[in-house]
Amino acid sequence: MTNIPRRRYRFPQMAVRCPWCRAAVGELCTNPRGTKTRRADTHDARRLAWLMTNECAECHATPGTPCTTTDDGNTIPLPDVHPARTPTTTTP
């Protein structure tokens, strides 16, 4: 069995496809037409998609579901994720 080196991305969130501009895994995010790449960062939607690849250690949200909080017994989805929710790996 040979060891295949894991690819390191410029931004760890490039390990998932961008749901906003549809940039493929490993490719930089682009404008809506796909003509200009974003070199300084990625879309927030991609960062959130990457962060949601693991279970949240704080609220126990399952992969693919948003983090939640409770207020007076009501479960409320958060607009972002808890800081404790980070993927265990940054490469595919």
Protein backbone atom coordinates (compact mmCIF):
# COMPACT_ATOMS: atom_id res chain seq x y z
CA MET A 1 0.00 0.00 0.00
CA THR A 2 1.42 3.39 -0.94
CA ASN A 3 0.84 6.55 1.02
CA ILE A 4 -0.77 9.29 -1.00
CA PRO A 5 0.19 12.73 0.32
CA ARG A 6 -2.77 14.85 1.36
CA ARG A 7 -3.17 18.08 -0.51
CA ARG A 8 -2.90 21.31 1.48
CA TYR A 9 -5.21 24.06 0.37
CA ARG A 10 -4.64 27.78 0.59
CA PHE A 11 -7.80 28.02 2.67
CA PRO A 12 -8.93 24.91 4.58
CA GLN A 13 -12.55 25.50 3.53
CA MET A 14 -11.51 24.71 -0.05
CA ALA A 15 -11.90 21.07 1.02
CA VAL A 16 -15.63 21.43 0.25
CA ARG A 17 -17.53 22.71 -2.78
CA CYS A 18 -18.73 26.32 -2.48
CA PRO A 19 -22.53 26.39 -2.31
CA TRP A 20 -22.63 30.05 -3.42
CA CYS A 21 -20.43 30.19 -6.54
CA ARG A 22 -20.23 26.41 -7.06
CA ALA A 23 -16.41 26.38 -7.12
CA ALA A 24 -15.21 22.79 -7.05
CA VAL A 25 -13.18 21.27 -4.22
CA GLY A 26 -9.67 22.71 -4.36
CA GLU A 27 -10.60 25.68 -6.56
CA LEU A 28 -10.77 29.29 -5.42
CA CYS A 29 -14.19 30.92 -5.13
CA THR A 30 -15.26 33.11 -8.03
CA ASN A 31 -17.75 35.82 -8.87
CA PRO A 32 -21.23 34.63 -9.98
CA ARG A 33 -20.14 34.36 -13.62
CA GLY A 34 -17.02 32.41 -12.73
CA THR A 35 -14.73 34.93 -14.43
CA LYS A 36 -12.78 36.39 -11.47
CA THR A 37 -11.32 34.43 -8.59
CA ARG A 38 -11.32 35.60 -4.99
CA ARG A 39 -7.70 35.43 -3.89
CA ALA A 40 -7.97 36.97 -0.40
CA ASP A 41 -10.72 34.76 1.04
CA THR A 42 -13.63 32.46 0.27
CA HIS A 43 -17.38 32.99 0.46
CA ASP A 44 -18.95 32.85 3.92
CA ALA A 45 -21.28 30.12 2.66
CA ARG A 46 -18.29 27.93 1.85
CA ARG A 47 -16.72 28.51 5.24
CA LEU A 48 -19.98 27.55 6.94
CA ALA A 49 -20.33 24.46 4.75
CA TRP A 50 -16.79 23.43 5.70
CA LEU A 51 -17.41 24.04 9.40
CA MET A 52 -20.57 21.93 9.27
CA THR A 53 -18.70 18.81 8.16
CA ASN A 54 -18.36 17.64 11.78
CA GLU A 55 -20.62 17.26 14.79
CA CYS A 56 -20.68 20.28 17.09
CA ALA A 57 -19.04 19.53 20.45
CA GLU A 58 -21.09 22.24 22.15
CA CYS A 59 -24.68 21.69 20.95
CA HIS A 60 -24.22 18.20 19.40
CA ALA A 61 -25.63 19.24 16.02
CA THR A 62 -25.05 16.47 13.50
CA PRO A 63 -22.95 17.03 10.35
CA GLY A 64 -24.87 19.06 7.78
CA THR A 65 -27.22 20.69 10.30
CA PRO A 66 -26.81 24.16 11.83
CA CYS A 67 -25.74 24.77 15.40
CA THR A 68 -28.55 25.56 17.80
CA THR A 69 -29.16 27.19 21.15
CA THR A 70 -32.05 26.96 23.55
CA ASP A 71 -34.06 29.84 24.97
CA ASP A 72 -36.81 29.06 27.48
CA GLY A 73 -36.92 25.47 26.21
CA ASN A 74 -37.18 26.50 22.52
CA THR A 75 -34.48 25.35 20.10
CA ILE A 76 -33.22 28.22 17.93
CA PRO A 77 -30.87 27.71 14.93
CA LEU A 78 -27.82 29.96 14.98
CA PRO A 79 -26.75 32.09 11.98
CA ASP A 80 -23.15 30.88 12.46
CA VAL A 81 -21.52 27.90 14.14
CA HIS A 82 -20.06 27.49 17.62
CA PRO A 83 -16.28 28.05 17.83
CA ALA A 84 -15.91 24.47 19.05
CA ARG A 85 -17.18 23.15 15.71
CA THR A 86 -14.08 22.68 13.65
CA PRO A 87 -13.36 19.83 11.26
CA THR A 88 -10.79 17.27 12.34
CA THR A 89 -9.11 17.50 8.95
CA THR A 90 -8.50 20.34 6.53
CA THR A 91 -7.78 18.26 3.46
CA PRO A 92 -9.89 15.78 1.52
